[in-house]
Amino acid sequence: MLLLRSAWAPLAGLPASVVHGDPHAGNLRVDEGGVGLVDWDEARVDVSLLDFSDLPPAAGVQITDLPPDRLHVAGDAWEVANSWTLEQAYARQRLDGLKKRLGRLRT
């Protein structure tokens, strides 16, 4: 639990809003009327940036002063906490990723 809380610490004080919780190409709809997201079952009020936490670093998106690695760590921590009961294999995979990212940040 301490590992997850420390991963979220850099988000303290950042703006909150409704976040989708599972933004990916499969939940995106684009037509002549615009762009929209579907499948809002993981929506919540949280730090607004968390919807961007799974963008690949190669995308080069810098939305805030928060380093992308810190945002990825926070997203990994959320996925671990959110998935632990129902999707343990996925949660363990994200936990492994979280530990690897934190290891790289410490070196």
PDB file of N, CA and C in Angstrom:
ATOM      1  N   MET A   1       0.822  -1.192   0.000  1.00  0.00           N
ATOM      2  CA  MET A   1       0.000   0.000   0.000  1.00  0.00           C
ATOM      3  C   MET A   1       0.868   1.259   0.000  1.00  0.00           C
ATOM      4  N   LEU A   2       1.967   1.242   0.737  1.00  0.00           N
ATOM      5  CA  LEU A   2       2.864   2.385   0.783  1.00  0.00           C
ATOM      6  C   LEU A   2       3.440   2.675  -0.601  1.00  0.00           C
ATOM      7  N   LEU A   3       3.749   1.631  -1.349  1.00  0.00           N
ATOM      8  CA  LEU A   3       4.279   1.797  -2.707  1.00  0.00           C
ATOM      9  C   LEU A   3       3.273   2.546  -3.581  1.00  0.00           C
ATOM     10  N   LEU A   4       2.002   2.183  -3.486  1.00  0.00           N
ATOM     11  CA  LEU A   4       0.970   2.847  -4.287  1.00  0.00           C
ATOM     12  C   LEU A   4       0.803   4.300  -3.864  1.00  0.00           C
ATOM     13  N   ARG A   5       0.760   4.534  -2.576  1.00  0.00           N
ATOM     14  CA  ARG A   5       0.605   5.913  -2.096  1.00  0.00           C
ATOM     15  C   ARG A   5       1.780   6.793  -2.517  1.00  0.00           C
ATOM     16  N   SER A   6       2.980   6.245  -2.486  1.00  0.00           N
ATOM     17  CA  SER A   6       4.137   7.038  -2.906  1.00  0.00           C
ATOM     18  C   SER A   6       4.087   7.308  -4.412  1.00  0.00           C
ATOM     19  N   ALA A   7       3.502   6.397  -5.175  1.00  0.00           N
ATOM     20  CA  ALA A   7       3.367   6.602  -6.621  1.00  0.00           C
ATOM     21  C   ALA A   7       2.376   7.721  -6.928  1.00  0.00           C
ATOM     22  N   TRP A   8       1.375   7.885  -6.067  1.00  0.00           N
ATOM     23  CA  TRP A   8       0.376   8.936  -6.267  1.00  0.00           C
ATOM     24  C   TRP A   8       0.804  10.284  -5.698  1.00  0.00           C
ATOM     25  N   ALA A   9       1.800  10.319  -4.838  1.00  0.00           N
ATOM     26  CA  ALA A   9       2.191  11.552  -4.145  1.00  0.00           C
ATOM     27  C   ALA A   9       2.441  12.732  -5.090  1.00  0.00           C
ATOM     28  N   PRO A  10       3.115  12.550  -6.243  1.00  0.00           N
ATOM     29  CA  PRO A  10       3.347  13.709  -7.116  1.00  0.00           C
ATOM     30  C   PRO A  10       2.067  14.321  -7.706  1.00  0.00           C
ATOM     31  N   LEU A  11       0.947  13.628  -7.583  1.00  0.00           N
ATOM     32  CA  LEU A  11      -0.319  14.145  -8.112  1.00  0.00           C
ATOM     33  C   LEU A  11      -1.045  15.048  -7.122  1.00  0.00           C
ATOM     34  N   ALA A  12      -0.559  15.086  -5.882  1.00  0.00           N
ATOM     35  CA  ALA A  12      -1.232  15.863  -4.837  1.00  0.00           C
ATOM     36  C   ALA A  12      -1.382  17.313  -5.273  1.00  0.00           C
ATOM     37  N   GLY A  13      -2.584  17.827  -5.151  1.00  0.00           N
ATOM     38  CA  GLY A  13      -2.856  19.222  -5.461  1.00  0.00           C
ATOM     39  C   GLY A  13      -3.142  19.517  -6.928  1.00  0.00           C
ATOM     40  N   LEU A  14      -3.009  18.525  -7.798  1.00  0.00           N
ATOM     41  CA  LEU A  14      -3.309  18.748  -9.216  1.00  0.00           C
ATOM     42  C   LEU A  14      -4.832  18.783  -9.421  1.00  0.00           C
ATOM     43  N   PRO A  15      -5.301  19.456 -10.473  1.00  0.00           N
ATOM     44  CA  PRO A  15      -6.743  19.578 -10.705  1.00  0.00           C
ATOM     45  C   PRO A  15      -7.424  18.213 -10.881  1.00  0.00           C
ATOM     46  N   ALA A  16      -8.639  18.139 -10.378  1.00  0.00           N
ATOM     47  CA  ALA A  16      -9.457  16.933 -10.508  1.00  0.00           C
ATOM     48  C   ALA A  16     -10.654  17.224 -11.404  1.00  0.00           C
ATOM     49  N   SER A  17     -11.147  16.158 -12.022  1.00  0.00           N
ATOM     50  CA  SER A  17     -12.328  16.246 -12.872  1.00  0.00           C
ATOM     51  C   SER A  17     -12.869  14.835 -13.041  1.00  0.00           C
ATOM     52  N   VAL A  18     -13.897  14.697 -13.838  1.00  0.00           N
ATOM     53  CA  VAL A  18     -14.347  13.359 -14.214  1.00  0.00           C
ATOM     54  C   VAL A  18     -13.314  12.797 -15.188  1.00  0.00           C
ATOM     55  N   VAL A  19     -12.816  11.615 -14.903  1.00  0.00           N
ATOM     56  CA  VAL A  19     -11.898  10.934 -15.814  1.00  0.00           C
ATOM     57  C   VAL A  19     -12.597   9.691 -16.354  1.00  0.00           C
ATOM     58  N   HIS A  20     -12.269   9.334 -17.567  1.00  0.00           N
ATOM     59  CA  HIS A  20     -12.866   8.170 -18.214  1.00  0.00           C
ATOM     60  C   HIS A  20     -12.424   6.887 -17.523  1.00  0.00           C
ATOM     61  N   GLY A  21     -11.140   6.776 -17.264  1.00  0.00           N
ATOM     62  CA  GLY A  21     -10.609   5.617 -16.553  1.00  0.00           C
ATOM     63  C   GLY A  21     -10.113   4.490 -17.432  1.00  0.00           C
ATOM     64  N   ASP A  22     -10.467   4.488 -18.705  1.00  0.00           N
ATOM     65  CA  ASP A  22     -10.047   3.409 -19.599  1.00  0.00           C
ATOM     66  C   ASP A  22      -9.958   3.906 -21.045  1.00  0.00           C
ATOM     67  N   PRO A  23      -9.243   5.034 -21.252  1.00  0.00           N
ATOM     68  CA  PRO A  23      -9.190   5.565 -22.616  1.00  0.00           C
ATOM     69  C   PRO A  23      -8.216   4.762 -23.482  1.00  0.00           C
ATOM     70  N   HIS A  24      -8.701   4.219 -24.537  1.00  0.00           N
ATOM     71  CA  HIS A  24      -7.873   3.538 -25.537  1.00  0.00           C
ATOM     72  C   HIS A  24      -8.649   3.548 -26.847  1.00  0.00           C
ATOM     73  N   ALA A  25      -7.996   3.143 -27.910  1.00  0.00           N
ATOM     74  CA  ALA A  25      -8.603   3.236 -29.246  1.00  0.00           C
ATOM     75  C   ALA A  25      -9.960   2.537 -29.331  1.00  0.00           C
ATOM     76  N   GLY A  26     -10.128   1.431 -28.619  1.00  0.00           N
ATOM     77  CA  GLY A  26     -11.391   0.704 -28.670  1.00  0.00           C
ATOM     78  C   GLY A  26     -12.555   1.458 -28.042  1.00  0.00           C
ATOM     79  N   ASN A  27     -12.254   2.442 -27.212  1.00  0.00           N
ATOM     80  CA  ASN A  27     -13.303   3.231 -26.569  1.00  0.00           C
ATOM     81  C   ASN A  27     -13.465   4.614 -27.191  1.00  0.00           C
ATOM     82  N   LEU A  28     -12.841   4.819 -28.319  1.00  0.00           N
ATOM     83  CA  LEU A  28     -12.881   6.101 -29.014  1.00  0.00           C
ATOM     84  C   LEU A  28     -13.742   5.979 -30.265  1.00  0.00           C
ATOM     85  N   ARG A  29     -14.639   6.931 -30.462  1.00  0.00           N
ATOM     86  CA  ARG A  29     -15.470   6.962 -31.656  1.00  0.00           C
ATOM     87  C   ARG A  29     -15.257   8.291 -32.360  1.00  0.00           C
ATOM     88  N   VAL A  30     -14.995   8.228 -33.655  1.00  0.00           N
ATOM     89  CA  VAL A  30     -14.770   9.418 -34.452  1.00  0.00           C
ATOM     90  C   VAL A  30     -15.687   9.358 -35.667  1.00  0.00           C
ATOM     91  N   ASP A  31     -16.430  10.421 -35.899  1.00  0.00           N
ATOM     92  CA  ASP A  31     -17.238  10.532 -37.119  1.00  0.00           C
ATOM     93  C   ASP A  31     -17.296  12.003 -37.519  1.00  0.00           C
ATOM     94  N   GLU A  32     -18.094  12.306 -38.530  1.00  0.00           N
ATOM     95  CA  GLU A  32     -18.137  13.682 -39.022  1.00  0.00           C
ATOM     96  C   GLU A  32     -18.642  14.659 -37.964  1.00  0.00           C
ATOM     97  N   GLY A  33     -19.316  14.160 -36.943  1.00  0.00           N
ATOM     98  CA  GLY A  33     -19.833  15.016 -35.879  1.00  0.00           C
ATOM     99  C   GLY A  33     -18.830  15.326 -34.790  1.00  0.00           C
ATOM    100  N   GLY A  34     -17.728  14.593 -34.753  1.00  0.00           N
ATOM    101  CA  GLY A  34     -16.719  14.856 -33.728  1.00  0.00           C
ATOM    102  C   GLY A  34     -16.121  13.576 -33.160  1.00  0.00           C
ATOM    103  N   VAL A  35     -15.564  13.717 -31.985  1.00  0.00           N
ATOM    104  CA  VAL A  35     -14.878  12.624 -31.299  1.00  0.00           C
ATOM    105  C   VAL A  35     -15.572  12.383 -29.970  1.00  0.00           C
ATOM    106  N   GLY A  36     -15.713  11.125 -29.597  1.00  0.00           N
ATOM    107  CA  GLY A  36     -16.332  10.804 -28.320  1.00  0.00           C
ATOM    108  C   GLY A  36     -15.747   9.543 -27.710  1.00  0.00           C
ATOM    109  N   LEU A  37     -15.956   9.404 -26.421  1.00  0.00           N
ATOM    110  CA  LEU A  37     -15.535   8.207 -25.693  1.00  0.00           C
ATOM    111  C   LEU A  37     -16.759   7.403 -25.288  1.00  0.00           C
ATOM    112  N   VAL A  38     -16.667   6.079 -25.382  1.00  0.00           N
ATOM    113  CA  VAL A  38     -17.724   5.180 -24.929  1.00  0.00           C
ATOM    114  C   VAL A  38     -17.160   4.312 -23.808  1.00  0.00           C
ATOM    115  N   ASP A  39     -18.015   3.534 -23.167  1.00  0.00           N
ATOM    116  CA  ASP A  39     -17.611   2.586 -22.129  1.00  0.00           C
ATOM    117  C   ASP A  39     -17.082   3.317 -20.897  1.00  0.00           C
ATOM    118  N   TRP A  40     -17.969   3.990 -20.217  1.00  0.00           N
ATOM    119  CA  TRP A  40     -17.611   4.819 -19.069  1.00  0.00           C
ATOM    120  C   TRP A  40     -17.723   4.075 -17.743  1.00  0.00           C
ATOM    121  N   ASP A  41     -17.645   2.743 -17.734  1.00  0.00           N
ATOM    122  CA  ASP A  41     -17.839   1.997 -16.492  1.00  0.00           C
ATOM    123  C   ASP A  41     -16.715   2.188 -15.478  1.00  0.00           C
ATOM    124  N   GLU A  42     -15.566   2.719 -15.884  1.00  0.00           N
ATOM    125  CA  GLU A  42     -14.470   2.968 -14.944  1.00  0.00           C
ATOM    126  C   GLU A  42     -14.316   4.451 -14.629  1.00  0.00           C
ATOM    127  N   ALA A  43     -15.311   5.254 -15.008  1.00  0.00           N
ATOM    128  CA  ALA A  43     -15.250   6.695 -14.770  1.00  0.00           C
ATOM    129  C   ALA A  43     -15.301   6.995 -13.277  1.00  0.00           C
ATOM    130  N   ARG A  44     -14.675   8.115 -12.923  1.00  0.00           N
ATOM    131  CA  ARG A  44     -14.630   8.540 -11.526  1.00  0.00           C
ATOM    132  C   ARG A  44     -14.157  10.000 -11.501  1.00  0.00           C
ATOM    133  N   VAL A  45     -14.258  10.625 -10.363  1.00  0.00           N
ATOM    134  CA  VAL A  45     -13.633  11.929 -10.165  1.00  0.00           C
ATOM    135  C   VAL A  45     -12.245  11.666  -9.611  1.00  0.00           C
ATOM    136  N   ASP A  46     -11.238  12.174 -10.301  1.00  0.00           N
ATOM    137  CA  ASP A  46      -9.844  11.914  -9.916  1.00  0.00           C
ATOM    138  C   ASP A  46      -8.972  12.989 -10.556  1.00  0.00           C
ATOM    139  N   VAL A  47      -7.683  12.857 -10.400  1.00  0.00           N
ATOM    140  CA  VAL A  47      -6.745  13.789 -11.019  1.00  0.00           C
ATOM    141  C   VAL A  47      -6.921  13.696 -12.536  1.00  0.00           C
ATOM    142  N   SER A  48      -7.193  14.827 -13.146  1.00  0.00           N
ATOM    143  CA  SER A  48      -7.522  14.875 -14.574  1.00  0.00           C
ATOM    144  C   SER A  48      -6.479  14.201 -15.455  1.00  0.00           C
ATOM    145  N   LEU A  49      -5.215  14.327 -15.112  1.00  0.00           N
ATOM    146  CA  LEU A  49      -4.135  13.788 -15.937  1.00  0.00           C
ATOM    147  C   LEU A  49      -4.110  12.270 -16.023  1.00  0.00           C
ATOM    148  N   LEU A  50      -4.769  11.581 -15.111  1.00  0.00           N
ATOM    149  CA  LEU A  50      -4.677  10.117 -15.108  1.00  0.00           C
ATOM    150  C   LEU A  50      -5.192   9.479 -16.387  1.00  0.00           C
ATOM    151  N   ASP A  51      -6.080  10.144 -17.103  1.00  0.00           N
ATOM    152  CA  ASP A  51      -6.540   9.586 -18.376  1.00  0.00           C
ATOM    153  C   ASP A  51      -5.424   9.556 -19.420  1.00  0.00           C
ATOM    154  N   PHE A  52      -4.339  10.265 -19.173  1.00  0.00           N
ATOM    155  CA  PHE A  52      -3.210  10.292 -20.102  1.00  0.00           C
ATOM    156  C   PHE A  52      -2.048   9.426 -19.641  1.00  0.00           C
ATOM    157  N   SER A  53      -2.203   8.700 -18.541  1.00  0.00           N
ATOM    158  CA  SER A  53      -1.076   7.983 -17.940  1.00  0.00           C
ATOM    159  C   SER A  53      -0.580   6.802 -18.764  1.00  0.00           C
ATOM    160  N   ASP A  54      -1.388   6.278 -19.658  1.00  0.00           N
ATOM    161  CA  ASP A  54      -0.945   5.134 -20.458  1.00  0.00           C
ATOM    162  C   ASP A  54      -0.468   5.517 -21.855  1.00  0.00           C
ATOM    163  N   LEU A  55      -0.360   6.811 -22.129  1.00  0.00           N
ATOM    164  CA  LEU A  55       0.220   7.211 -23.418  1.00  0.00           C
ATOM    165  C   LEU A  55       1.669   6.745 -23.469  1.00  0.00           C
ATOM    166  N   PRO A  56       2.071   6.167 -24.567  1.00  0.00           N
ATOM    167  CA  PRO A  56       3.463   5.701 -24.648  1.00  0.00           C
ATOM    168  C   PRO A  56       4.429   6.887 -24.610  1.00  0.00           C
ATOM    169  N   PRO A  57       5.558   6.724 -23.917  1.00  0.00           N
ATOM    170  CA  PRO A  57       6.538   7.816 -23.857  1.00  0.00           C
ATOM    171  C   PRO A  57       6.956   8.300 -25.239  1.00  0.00           C
ATOM    172  N   ALA A  58       6.955   7.412 -26.212  1.00  0.00           N
ATOM    173  CA  ALA A  58       7.366   7.784 -27.570  1.00  0.00           C
ATOM    174  C   ALA A  58       6.391   8.782 -28.206  1.00  0.00           C
ATOM    175  N   ALA A  59       5.186   8.909 -27.645  1.00  0.00           N
ATOM    176  CA  ALA A  59       4.220   9.859 -28.183  1.00  0.00           C
ATOM    177  C   ALA A  59       4.703  11.294 -27.986  1.00  0.00           C
ATOM    178  N   GLY A  60       5.586  11.483 -26.999  1.00  0.00           N
ATOM    179  CA  GLY A  60       6.170  12.798 -26.770  1.00  0.00           C
ATOM    180  C   GLY A  60       5.185  13.837 -26.282  1.00  0.00           C
ATOM    181  N   VAL A  61       4.107  13.391 -25.643  1.00  0.00           N
ATOM    182  CA  VAL A  61       3.098  14.326 -25.150  1.00  0.00           C
ATOM    183  C   VAL A  61       3.494  14.805 -23.760  1.00  0.00           C
ATOM    184  N   GLN A  62       3.633  16.097 -23.611  1.00  0.00           N
ATOM    185  CA  GLN A  62       3.937  16.705 -22.318  1.00  0.00           C
ATOM    186  C   GLN A  62       2.797  17.650 -21.995  1.00  0.00           C
ATOM    187  N   ILE A  63       1.892  17.222 -21.134  1.00  0.00           N
ATOM    188  CA  ILE A  63       0.679  17.967 -20.854  1.00  0.00           C
ATOM    189  C   ILE A  63       0.860  18.896 -19.655  1.00  0.00           C
ATOM    190  N   THR A  64       1.809  18.585 -18.819  1.00  0.00           N
ATOM    191  CA  THR A  64       2.007  19.311 -17.570  1.00  0.00           C
ATOM    192  C   THR A  64       3.487  19.326 -17.233  1.00  0.00           C
ATOM    193  N   ASP A  65       3.813  19.980 -16.147  1.00  0.00           N
ATOM    194  CA  ASP A  65       5.200  19.961 -15.674  1.00  0.00           C
ATOM    195  C   ASP A  65       5.562  18.626 -15.047  1.00  0.00           C
ATOM    196  N   LEU A  66       4.559  17.816 -14.740  1.00  0.00           N
ATOM    197  CA  LEU A  66       4.813  16.502 -14.166  1.00  0.00           C
ATOM    198  C   LEU A  66       5.520  15.637 -15.201  1.00  0.00           C
ATOM    199  N   PRO A  67       6.699  15.099 -14.878  1.00  0.00           N
ATOM    200  CA  PRO A  67       7.404  14.252 -15.848  1.00  0.00           C
ATOM    201  C   PRO A  67       6.545  13.056 -16.270  1.00  0.00           C
ATOM    202  N   PRO A  68       6.569  12.695 -17.552  1.00  0.00           N
ATOM    203  CA  PRO A  68       5.754  11.573 -18.026  1.00  0.00           C
ATOM    204  C   PRO A  68       5.979  10.283 -17.231  1.00  0.00           C
ATOM    205  N   ASP A  69       7.213  10.021 -16.801  1.00  0.00           N
ATOM    206  CA  ASP A  69       7.463   8.805 -16.021  1.00  0.00           C
ATOM    207  C   ASP A  69       6.679   8.809 -14.714  1.00  0.00           C
ATOM    208  N   ARG A  70       6.565   9.965 -14.082  1.00  0.00           N
ATOM    209  CA  ARG A  70       5.800  10.060 -12.833  1.00  0.00           C
ATOM    210  C   ARG A  70       4.312   9.830 -13.085  1.00  0.00           C
ATOM    211  N   LEU A  71       3.820  10.320 -14.211  1.00  0.00           N
ATOM    212  CA  LEU A  71       2.427  10.095 -14.560  1.00  0.00           C
ATOM    213  C   LEU A  71       2.181   8.615 -14.850  1.00  0.00           C
ATOM    214  N   HIS A  72       3.117   7.966 -15.528  1.00  0.00           N
ATOM    215  CA  HIS A  72       2.987   6.527 -15.798  1.00  0.00           C
ATOM    216  C   HIS A  72       2.984   5.727 -14.504  1.00  0.00           C
ATOM    217  N   VAL A  73       3.840   6.101 -13.570  1.00  0.00           N
ATOM    218  CA  VAL A  73       3.903   5.422 -12.271  1.00  0.00           C
ATOM    219  C   VAL A  73       2.560   5.555 -11.551  1.00  0.00           C
ATOM    220  N   ALA A  74       1.991   6.755 -11.549  1.00  0.00           N
ATOM    221  CA  ALA A  74       0.704   6.967 -10.893  1.00  0.00           C
ATOM    222  C   ALA A  74      -0.391   6.148 -11.564  1.00  0.00           C
ATOM    223  N   GLY A  75      -0.371   6.068 -12.888  1.00  0.00           N
ATOM    224  CA  GLY A  75      -1.355   5.257 -13.608  1.00  0.00           C
ATOM    225  C   GLY A  75      -1.205   3.778 -13.320  1.00  0.00           C
ATOM    226  N   ASP A  76       0.034   3.310 -13.268  1.00  0.00           N
ATOM    227  CA  ASP A  76       0.267   1.906 -12.907  1.00  0.00           C
ATOM    228  C   ASP A  76      -0.296   1.615 -11.517  1.00  0.00           C
ATOM    229  N   ALA A  77      -0.041   2.526 -10.583  1.00  0.00           N
ATOM    230  CA  ALA A  77      -0.518   2.333  -9.208  1.00  0.00           C
ATOM    231  C   ALA A  77      -2.046   2.278  -9.162  1.00  0.00           C
ATOM    232  N   TRP A  78      -2.706   3.154  -9.935  1.00  0.00           N
ATOM    233  CA  TRP A  78      -4.172   3.122  -9.964  1.00  0.00           C
ATOM    234  C   TRP A  78      -4.665   1.780 -10.500  1.00  0.00           C
ATOM    235  N   GLU A  79      -4.074   1.311 -11.587  1.00  0.00           N
ATOM    236  CA  GLU A  79      -4.498   0.040 -12.182  1.00  0.00           C
ATOM    237  C   GLU A  79      -4.288  -1.122 -11.216  1.00  0.00           C
ATOM    238  N   VAL A  80      -3.201  -1.108 -10.471  1.00  0.00           N
ATOM    239  CA  VAL A  80      -2.964  -2.159  -9.469  1.00  0.00           C
ATOM    240  C   VAL A  80      -4.071  -2.127  -8.426  1.00  0.00           C
ATOM    241  N   ALA A  81      -4.325  -0.951  -7.865  1.00  0.00           N
ATOM    242  CA  ALA A  81      -5.326  -0.831  -6.809  1.00  0.00           C
ATOM    243  C   ALA A  81      -6.723  -1.172  -7.308  1.00  0.00           C
ATOM    244  N   ASN A  82      -7.055  -0.722  -8.498  1.00  0.00           N
ATOM    245  CA  ASN A  82      -8.391  -0.905  -9.044  1.00  0.00           C
ATOM    246  C   ASN A  82      -8.664  -2.346  -9.479  1.00  0.00           C
ATOM    247  N   SER A  83      -7.634  -3.054  -9.881  1.00  0.00           N
ATOM    248  CA  SER A  83      -7.813  -4.385 -10.480  1.00  0.00           C
ATOM    249  C   SER A  83      -7.522  -5.539  -9.531  1.00  0.00           C
ATOM    250  N   TRP A  84      -7.005  -5.261  -8.355  1.00  0.00           N
ATOM    251  CA  TRP A  84      -6.474  -6.316  -7.501  1.00  0.00           C
ATOM    252  C   TRP A  84      -7.497  -7.396  -7.175  1.00  0.00           C
ATOM    253  N   THR A  85      -8.722  -7.046  -6.932  1.00  0.00           N
ATOM    254  CA  THR A  85      -9.722  -8.028  -6.523  1.00  0.00           C
ATOM    255  C   THR A  85     -10.246  -8.860  -7.690  1.00  0.00           C
ATOM    256  N   LEU A  86     -10.575  -8.223  -8.802  1.00  0.00           N
ATOM    257  CA  LEU A  86     -11.233  -8.924  -9.906  1.00  0.00           C
ATOM    258  C   LEU A  86     -10.292  -9.421 -10.999  1.00  0.00           C
ATOM    259  N   GLU A  87      -9.150  -8.781 -11.147  1.00  0.00           N
ATOM    260  CA  GLU A  87      -8.221  -9.131 -12.229  1.00  0.00           C
ATOM    261  C   GLU A  87      -6.798  -9.227 -11.687  1.00  0.00           C
ATOM    262  N   GLN A  88      -6.574 -10.199 -10.817  1.00  0.00           N
ATOM    263  CA  GLN A  88      -5.280 -10.264 -10.139  1.00  0.00           C
ATOM    264  C   GLN A  88      -4.094 -10.442 -11.079  1.00  0.00           C
ATOM    265  N   ALA A  89      -4.243 -11.209 -12.123  1.00  0.00           N
ATOM    266  CA  ALA A  89      -3.116 -11.402 -13.053  1.00  0.00           C
ATOM    267  C   ALA A  89      -2.740 -10.065 -13.702  1.00  0.00           C
ATOM    268  N   TYR A  90      -3.740  -9.314 -14.115  1.00  0.00           N
ATOM    269  CA  TYR A  90      -3.491  -7.992 -14.702  1.00  0.00           C
ATOM    270  C   TYR A  90      -2.880  -7.057 -13.662  1.00  0.00           C
ATOM    271  N   ALA A  91      -3.419  -7.080 -12.446  1.00  0.00           N
ATOM    272  CA  ALA A  91      -2.899  -6.222 -11.376  1.00  0.00           C
ATOM    273  C   ALA A  91      -1.439  -6.551 -11.080  1.00  0.00           C
ATOM    274  N   ARG A  92      -1.093  -7.821 -11.050  1.00  0.00           N
ATOM    275  CA  ARG A  92       0.304  -8.207 -10.800  1.00  0.00           C
ATOM    276  C   ARG A  92       1.216  -7.756 -11.940  1.00  0.00           C
ATOM    277  N   GLN A  93       0.712  -7.829 -13.160  1.00  0.00           N
ATOM    278  CA  GLN A  93       1.485  -7.357 -14.321  1.00  0.00           C
ATOM    279  C   GLN A  93       1.752  -5.857 -14.192  1.00  0.00           C
ATOM    280  N   ARG A  94       0.736  -5.097 -13.830  1.00  0.00           N
ATOM    281  CA  ARG A  94       0.921  -3.654 -13.665  1.00  0.00           C
ATOM    282  C   ARG A  94       1.817  -3.344 -12.468  1.00  0.00           C
ATOM    283  N   LEU A  95       1.732  -4.156 -11.406  1.00  0.00           N
ATOM    284  CA  LEU A  95       2.606  -3.971 -10.248  1.00  0.00           C
ATOM    285  C   LEU A  95       4.063  -4.199 -10.644  1.00  0.00           C
ATOM    286  N   ASP A  96       4.311  -5.219 -11.438  1.00  0.00           N
ATOM    287  CA  ASP A  96       5.673  -5.463 -11.929  1.00  0.00           C
ATOM    288  C   ASP A  96       6.166  -4.266 -12.741  1.00  0.00           C
ATOM    289  N   GLY A  97       5.299  -3.733 -13.600  1.00  0.00           N
ATOM    290  CA  GLY A  97       5.664  -2.555 -14.384  1.00  0.00           C
ATOM    291  C   GLY A  97       5.940  -1.349 -13.504  1.00  0.00           C
ATOM    292  N   LEU A  98       5.129  -1.187 -12.473  1.00  0.00           N
ATOM    293  CA  LEU A  98       5.319  -0.086 -11.530  1.00  0.00           C
ATOM    294  C   LEU A  98       6.682  -0.196 -10.855  1.00  0.00           C
ATOM    295  N   LYS A  99       7.031  -1.374 -10.389  1.00  0.00           N
ATOM    296  CA  LYS A  99       8.320  -1.564  -9.722  1.00  0.00           C
ATOM    297  C   LYS A  99       9.484  -1.295 -10.671  1.00  0.00           C
ATOM    298  N   LYS A 100       9.366  -1.727 -11.922  1.00  0.00           N
ATOM    299  CA  LYS A 100      10.423  -1.479 -12.908  1.00  0.00           C
ATOM    300  C   LYS A 100      10.581   0.011 -13.178  1.00  0.00           C
ATOM    301  N   ARG A 101       9.472   0.705 -13.361  1.00  0.00           N
ATOM    302  CA  ARG A 101       9.540   2.148 -13.609  1.00  0.00           C
ATOM    303  C   ARG A 101      10.176   2.878 -12.429  1.00  0.00           C
ATOM    304  N   LEU A 102       9.753   2.508 -11.224  1.00  0.00           N
ATOM    305  CA  LEU A 102      10.324   3.154 -10.034  1.00  0.00           C
ATOM    306  C   LEU A 102      11.819   2.867  -9.931  1.00  0.00           C
ATOM    307  N   GLY A 103      12.217   1.660 -10.286  1.00  0.00           N
ATOM    308  CA  GLY A 103      13.647   1.323 -10.274  1.00  0.00           C
ATOM    309  C   GLY A 103      14.441   2.194 -11.229  1.00  0.00           C
ATOM    310  N   ARG A 104      13.879   2.448 -12.404  1.00  0.00           N
ATOM    311  CA  ARG A 104      14.548   3.314 -13.390  1.00  0.00           C
ATOM    312  C   ARG A 104      14.598   4.758 -12.918  1.00  0.00           C
ATOM    313  N   LEU A 105      13.563   5.199 -12.205  1.00  0.00           N
ATOM    314  CA  LEU A 105      13.544   6.577 -11.719  1.00  0.00           C
ATOM    315  C   LEU A 105      14.572   6.811 -10.608  1.00  0.00           C
ATOM    316  N   ARG A 106      14.896   5.760  -9.872  1.00  0.00           N
ATOM    317  CA  ARG A 106      15.854   5.867  -8.761  1.00  0.00           C
ATOM    318  C   ARG A 106      17.293   5.843  -9.232  1.00  0.00           C
ATOM    319  N   THR A 107      17.522   5.331 -10.448  1.00  0.00           N
ATOM    320  CA  THR A 107      18.908   5.224 -10.906  1.00  0.00           C
ATOM    321  C   THR A 107      19.350   6.449 -11.653  1.00  0.00           C
TER     322      THR A 107
END
